[in-house]
Structures are given as structure tokens and as C-alpha cells.
Amino acid sequence: MTWQFTPWEVWSFVGWTLAKAFAGVNPVTAKIMHKFTWWIHTFLALGFIAYIPYSRLMHIITTSANHFMQNMKPVGTIEPIRDFENAESFGVGQLGEFT
């Protein structure tokens, strides 16, 4: 397999540094290391996803649902008087008249 160096490789700082560190590694060893690091990365990523519901990070999921389902009326809003001409009381006289 031939390797080709591209001009934008220096902008991938981590990959470029690791490529320089593993420049003389045998291709068979490199393939084994690649499989090993791929599986480690997979288990860490899936483990993190499984950990989210049991941690403080649950707000990542619940915040958008909370904003979608929130009540748009401010707390303590009083219902408007429907029949203003014949109303016996104005405003709130009992606790049950609050929304």
C-alpha cells in the first residue's frame, strides 16, 4: 500500500503528531493497534451514551422537551373576567380563582 501526504495534513494536529510518532511501525502491528484502539473508542463512546440518563447530563435530552412543553402564561396569571357587566367580584378573592 502506498502512502500519500497531503498539504492539509498539518492542520490535523493530533493525527499528524501520532503519524510522526508511529512512522516506523510494521504494517501488521499498525493494523492490530488500529483494531484495538477502534474497539476501545467504540466501548467508550457507547458507554458514555449509556451513562447519560444516570448523570447530570440528562439535561441534554430533557431541556428541549421542557422548553417545548412549558406553559407560556406567567405564574399567577388571573383569568380575564368573561361577563364584566354582570360580575359580582373583580380580581381574585379565593385561592381557587387562580389558574
N, C-alpha and C. Protein backbone atom coordinates (compact mmCIF):
# COMPACT_ATOMS: atom_id res chain seq x y z
N MET A 1 0.85 -1.18 0.00
CA MET A 1 0.00 0.00 0.00
C MET A 1 0.90 1.24 0.00
N THR A 2 0.60 2.18 -0.83
CA THR A 2 1.39 3.42 -0.89
C THR A 2 0.71 4.49 -0.06
N TRP A 3 1.52 5.30 0.55
CA TRP A 3 1.02 6.39 1.38
C TRP A 3 1.20 7.70 0.65
N GLN A 4 0.26 8.55 0.81
CA GLN A 4 0.30 9.83 0.12
C GLN A 4 0.16 10.94 1.15
N PHE A 5 1.05 11.88 1.13
CA PHE A 5 1.00 13.01 2.05
C PHE A 5 0.27 14.17 1.38
N THR A 6 -0.64 14.76 2.12
CA THR A 6 -1.43 15.86 1.58
C THR A 6 -1.00 17.17 2.23
N PRO A 7 -1.20 18.30 1.57
CA PRO A 7 -0.76 19.58 2.14
C PRO A 7 -1.54 20.00 3.38
N TRP A 8 -2.75 19.49 3.58
CA TRP A 8 -3.54 19.90 4.73
C TRP A 8 -3.35 18.99 5.95
N GLU A 9 -2.43 18.05 5.86
CA GLU A 9 -2.23 17.11 6.97
C GLU A 9 -1.76 17.79 8.25
N VAL A 10 -1.06 18.91 8.14
CA VAL A 10 -0.56 19.59 9.34
C VAL A 10 -1.69 20.25 10.14
N TRP A 11 -2.88 20.40 9.57
CA TRP A 11 -3.99 21.02 10.29
C TRP A 11 -4.70 20.03 11.20
N SER A 12 -4.43 18.76 11.04
CA SER A 12 -4.94 17.74 11.96
C SER A 12 -3.84 17.49 12.98
N PHE A 13 -3.80 18.32 14.02
CA PHE A 13 -2.68 18.34 14.95
C PHE A 13 -2.45 16.99 15.63
N VAL A 14 -3.50 16.39 16.15
CA VAL A 14 -3.35 15.12 16.86
C VAL A 14 -2.96 14.01 15.89
N GLY A 15 -3.65 13.91 14.78
CA GLY A 15 -3.34 12.87 13.80
C GLY A 15 -1.94 13.01 13.21
N TRP A 16 -1.55 14.25 12.95
CA TRP A 16 -0.22 14.50 12.38
C TRP A 16 0.88 14.11 13.37
N THR A 17 0.67 14.44 14.65
CA THR A 17 1.65 14.09 15.69
C THR A 17 1.73 12.57 15.85
N LEU A 18 0.57 11.90 15.88
CA LEU A 18 0.58 10.45 16.01
C LEU A 18 1.20 9.78 14.79
N ALA A 19 0.98 10.33 13.62
CA ALA A 19 1.58 9.77 12.40
C ALA A 19 3.10 9.86 12.46
N LYS A 20 3.60 10.97 12.98
CA LYS A 20 5.06 11.10 13.11
C LYS A 20 5.60 10.13 14.17
N ALA A 21 4.81 9.90 15.25
CA ALA A 21 5.26 9.01 16.31
C ALA A 21 5.29 7.55 15.86
N PHE A 22 4.34 7.15 14.99
CA PHE A 22 4.26 5.77 14.53
C PHE A 22 4.78 5.59 13.11
N ALA A 23 5.70 6.40 12.69
CA ALA A 23 6.19 6.37 11.31
C ALA A 23 6.89 5.06 10.96
N GLY A 24 7.60 4.45 11.88
CA GLY A 24 8.38 3.25 11.56
C GLY A 24 7.72 1.95 12.00
N VAL A 25 6.43 1.95 12.28
CA VAL A 25 5.76 0.75 12.78
C VAL A 25 5.47 -0.21 11.63
N ASN A 26 5.63 -1.48 11.91
CA ASN A 26 5.34 -2.54 10.95
C ASN A 26 3.86 -2.49 10.58
N PRO A 27 3.46 -2.68 9.31
CA PRO A 27 2.05 -2.62 8.90
C PRO A 27 1.14 -3.61 9.63
N VAL A 28 1.64 -4.80 9.95
CA VAL A 28 0.83 -5.78 10.68
C VAL A 28 0.56 -5.27 12.10
N THR A 29 1.58 -4.73 12.73
CA THR A 29 1.42 -4.17 14.07
C THR A 29 0.49 -2.97 14.04
N ALA A 30 0.59 -2.15 13.01
CA ALA A 30 -0.28 -0.98 12.89
C ALA A 30 -1.74 -1.40 12.74
N LYS A 31 -1.98 -2.49 12.00
CA LYS A 31 -3.35 -2.99 11.83
C LYS A 31 -3.92 -3.50 13.15
N ILE A 32 -3.11 -4.20 13.92
CA ILE A 32 -3.56 -4.69 15.24
C ILE A 32 -3.83 -3.53 16.17
N MET A 33 -2.95 -2.53 16.17
CA MET A 33 -3.15 -1.35 17.03
C MET A 33 -4.41 -0.60 16.61
N HIS A 34 -4.66 -0.53 15.30
CA HIS A 34 -5.86 0.16 14.81
C HIS A 34 -7.12 -0.54 15.29
N LYS A 35 -7.18 -1.87 15.19
CA LYS A 35 -8.34 -2.61 15.66
C LYS A 35 -8.54 -2.44 17.16
N PHE A 36 -7.45 -2.50 17.91
CA PHE A 36 -7.53 -2.36 19.37
C PHE A 36 -8.05 -0.97 19.75
N THR A 37 -7.50 0.07 19.17
CA THR A 37 -7.95 1.42 19.52
C THR A 37 -9.36 1.68 19.01
N TRP A 38 -9.75 1.07 17.89
CA TRP A 38 -11.12 1.23 17.38
C TRP A 38 -12.11 0.64 18.37
N TRP A 39 -11.85 -0.56 18.89
CA TRP A 39 -12.76 -1.18 19.85
C TRP A 39 -12.79 -0.41 21.17
N ILE A 40 -11.65 0.07 21.62
CA ILE A 40 -11.64 0.88 22.85
C ILE A 40 -12.48 2.13 22.65
N HIS A 41 -12.32 2.81 21.53
CA HIS A 41 -13.11 4.01 21.24
C HIS A 41 -14.60 3.68 21.17
N THR A 42 -14.97 2.55 20.56
CA THR A 42 -16.37 2.15 20.46
C THR A 42 -16.97 1.92 21.84
N PHE A 43 -16.29 1.17 22.70
CA PHE A 43 -16.82 0.91 24.04
C PHE A 43 -16.91 2.18 24.88
N LEU A 44 -15.95 3.08 24.75
CA LEU A 44 -16.02 4.34 25.49
C LEU A 44 -17.18 5.21 25.01
N ALA A 45 -17.37 5.29 23.71
CA ALA A 45 -18.46 6.12 23.17
C ALA A 45 -19.82 5.56 23.55
N LEU A 46 -20.02 4.26 23.38
CA LEU A 46 -21.30 3.65 23.74
C LEU A 46 -21.53 3.66 25.25
N GLY A 47 -20.47 3.51 26.01
CA GLY A 47 -20.59 3.61 27.47
C GLY A 47 -21.00 5.00 27.90
N PHE A 48 -20.46 6.01 27.25
CA PHE A 48 -20.85 7.39 27.56
C PHE A 48 -22.32 7.63 27.23
N ILE A 49 -22.77 7.11 26.10
CA ILE A 49 -24.18 7.27 25.72
C ILE A 49 -25.08 6.57 26.73
N ALA A 50 -24.68 5.39 27.22
CA ALA A 50 -25.48 4.66 28.20
C ALA A 50 -25.45 5.35 29.57
N TYR A 51 -24.40 6.11 29.85
CA TYR A 51 -24.25 6.80 31.14
C TYR A 51 -25.10 8.07 31.23
N ILE A 52 -25.45 8.67 30.12
CA ILE A 52 -26.16 9.95 30.10
C ILE A 52 -27.45 9.94 30.94
N PRO A 53 -28.34 8.94 30.83
CA PRO A 53 -29.58 9.01 31.61
C PRO A 53 -29.38 8.93 33.12
N TYR A 54 -28.24 8.46 33.58
CA TYR A 54 -27.99 8.30 35.01
C TYR A 54 -27.10 9.41 35.57
N SER A 55 -26.88 10.45 34.82
CA SER A 55 -25.99 11.51 35.26
C SER A 55 -26.66 12.87 35.12
N ARG A 56 -25.91 13.90 35.46
CA ARG A 56 -26.39 15.26 35.28
C ARG A 56 -26.55 15.63 33.81
N LEU A 57 -25.96 14.86 32.95
CA LEU A 57 -26.01 15.15 31.52
C LEU A 57 -27.38 14.86 30.92
N MET A 58 -28.31 14.37 31.72
CA MET A 58 -29.66 14.10 31.22
C MET A 58 -30.31 15.39 30.72
N HIS A 59 -29.85 16.54 31.23
CA HIS A 59 -30.44 17.81 30.78
C HIS A 59 -30.20 18.05 29.29
N ILE A 60 -29.23 17.38 28.70
CA ILE A 60 -29.01 17.49 27.27
C ILE A 60 -30.26 17.05 26.51
N ILE A 61 -30.90 16.00 27.00
CA ILE A 61 -32.09 15.45 26.36
C ILE A 61 -33.35 16.16 26.82
N THR A 62 -33.45 16.43 28.12
CA THR A 62 -34.72 16.93 28.67
C THR A 62 -34.93 18.42 28.48
N THR A 63 -33.91 19.19 28.22
CA THR A 63 -34.09 20.64 28.09
C THR A 63 -34.97 20.99 26.91
N SER A 64 -34.75 20.39 25.77
CA SER A 64 -35.57 20.72 24.61
C SER A 64 -37.03 20.30 24.83
N ALA A 65 -37.26 19.15 25.46
CA ALA A 65 -38.63 18.73 25.75
C ALA A 65 -39.28 19.67 26.76
N ASN A 66 -38.51 20.14 27.73
CA ASN A 66 -39.04 21.07 28.73
C ASN A 66 -39.45 22.39 28.08
N HIS A 67 -38.65 22.91 27.19
CA HIS A 67 -38.99 24.15 26.51
C HIS A 67 -40.21 23.98 25.60
N PHE A 68 -40.33 22.82 24.98
CA PHE A 68 -41.45 22.57 24.09
C PHE A 68 -42.78 22.47 24.85
N MET A 69 -42.75 21.89 26.06
CA MET A 69 -43.97 21.64 26.80
C MET A 69 -44.28 22.69 27.87
N GLN A 70 -43.49 23.73 27.96
CA GLN A 70 -43.71 24.71 29.01
C GLN A 70 -44.98 25.51 28.77
N ASN A 71 -45.55 26.00 29.84
CA ASN A 71 -46.73 26.85 29.76
C ASN A 71 -46.27 28.27 29.47
N MET A 72 -46.88 28.92 28.52
CA MET A 72 -46.44 30.25 28.12
C MET A 72 -47.01 31.35 29.01
N LYS A 73 -47.96 31.02 29.90
CA LYS A 73 -48.52 32.02 30.80
C LYS A 73 -47.60 32.19 32.00
N PRO A 74 -47.38 33.41 32.46
CA PRO A 74 -46.58 33.60 33.66
C PRO A 74 -47.27 33.01 34.89
N VAL A 75 -46.50 32.71 35.92
CA VAL A 75 -47.04 32.15 37.15
C VAL A 75 -47.94 33.19 37.83
N GLY A 76 -49.12 32.77 38.30
CA GLY A 76 -50.04 33.68 38.98
C GLY A 76 -50.94 34.46 38.05
N THR A 77 -51.06 34.04 36.82
CA THR A 77 -51.92 34.74 35.87
C THR A 77 -53.39 34.61 36.29
N ILE A 78 -54.12 35.70 36.19
CA ILE A 78 -55.54 35.71 36.53
C ILE A 78 -56.33 35.64 35.23
N GLU A 79 -57.37 34.79 35.23
CA GLU A 79 -58.22 34.67 34.05
C GLU A 79 -58.98 35.98 33.85
N PRO A 80 -59.21 36.39 32.60
CA PRO A 80 -59.97 37.62 32.36
C PRO A 80 -61.44 37.43 32.78
N ILE A 81 -62.07 38.53 33.14
CA ILE A 81 -63.47 38.49 33.55
C ILE A 81 -64.31 38.35 32.28
N ARG A 82 -65.06 37.25 32.18
CA ARG A 82 -65.82 36.95 30.97
C ARG A 82 -67.00 37.92 30.78
N ASP A 83 -67.84 38.06 31.79
CA ASP A 83 -69.01 38.94 31.71
C ASP A 83 -68.77 40.11 32.66
N PHE A 84 -68.06 41.11 32.19
CA PHE A 84 -67.63 42.23 33.03
C PHE A 84 -68.82 43.03 33.58
N GLU A 85 -69.89 43.18 32.82
CA GLU A 85 -71.05 43.98 33.23
C GLU A 85 -71.80 43.35 34.40
N ASN A 86 -71.87 42.04 34.44
CA ASN A 86 -72.65 41.36 35.45
C ASN A 86 -71.79 40.68 36.52
N ALA A 87 -70.48 40.94 36.56
CA ALA A 87 -69.59 40.29 37.52
C ALA A 87 -69.88 40.77 38.93
N GLU A 88 -69.84 39.83 39.88
CA GLU A 88 -70.09 40.18 41.28
C GLU A 88 -68.81 40.56 41.99
N SER A 89 -67.68 40.07 41.52
CA SER A 89 -66.40 40.43 42.13
C SER A 89 -65.37 40.65 41.03
N PHE A 90 -64.38 41.47 41.35
CA PHE A 90 -63.30 41.77 40.40
C PHE A 90 -62.00 41.33 41.01
N GLY A 91 -61.18 40.67 40.24
CA GLY A 91 -59.90 40.19 40.75
C GLY A 91 -60.05 38.81 41.38
N VAL A 92 -59.16 38.52 42.31
CA VAL A 92 -59.12 37.21 42.95
C VAL A 92 -59.52 37.37 44.41
N GLY A 93 -60.55 36.64 44.82
CA GLY A 93 -60.99 36.68 46.21
C GLY A 93 -60.72 35.39 46.93
N GLN A 94 -60.55 34.30 46.19
CA GLN A 94 -60.29 33.00 46.78
C GLN A 94 -59.13 32.33 46.06
N LEU A 95 -58.52 31.38 46.75
CA LEU A 95 -57.35 30.70 46.18
C LEU A 95 -57.71 29.92 44.91
N GLY A 96 -58.91 29.40 44.83
CA GLY A 96 -59.32 28.62 43.68
C GLY A 96 -59.51 29.43 42.42
N GLU A 97 -59.52 30.75 42.51
CA GLU A 97 -59.69 31.60 41.33
C GLU A 97 -58.40 31.81 40.57
N PHE A 98 -57.26 31.43 41.14
CA PHE A 98 -56.00 31.50 40.42
C PHE A 98 -55.94 30.37 39.39
N THR A 99 -55.16 30.54 38.34
CA THR A 99 -55.03 29.48 37.33
C THR A 99 -54.16 28.37 37.88
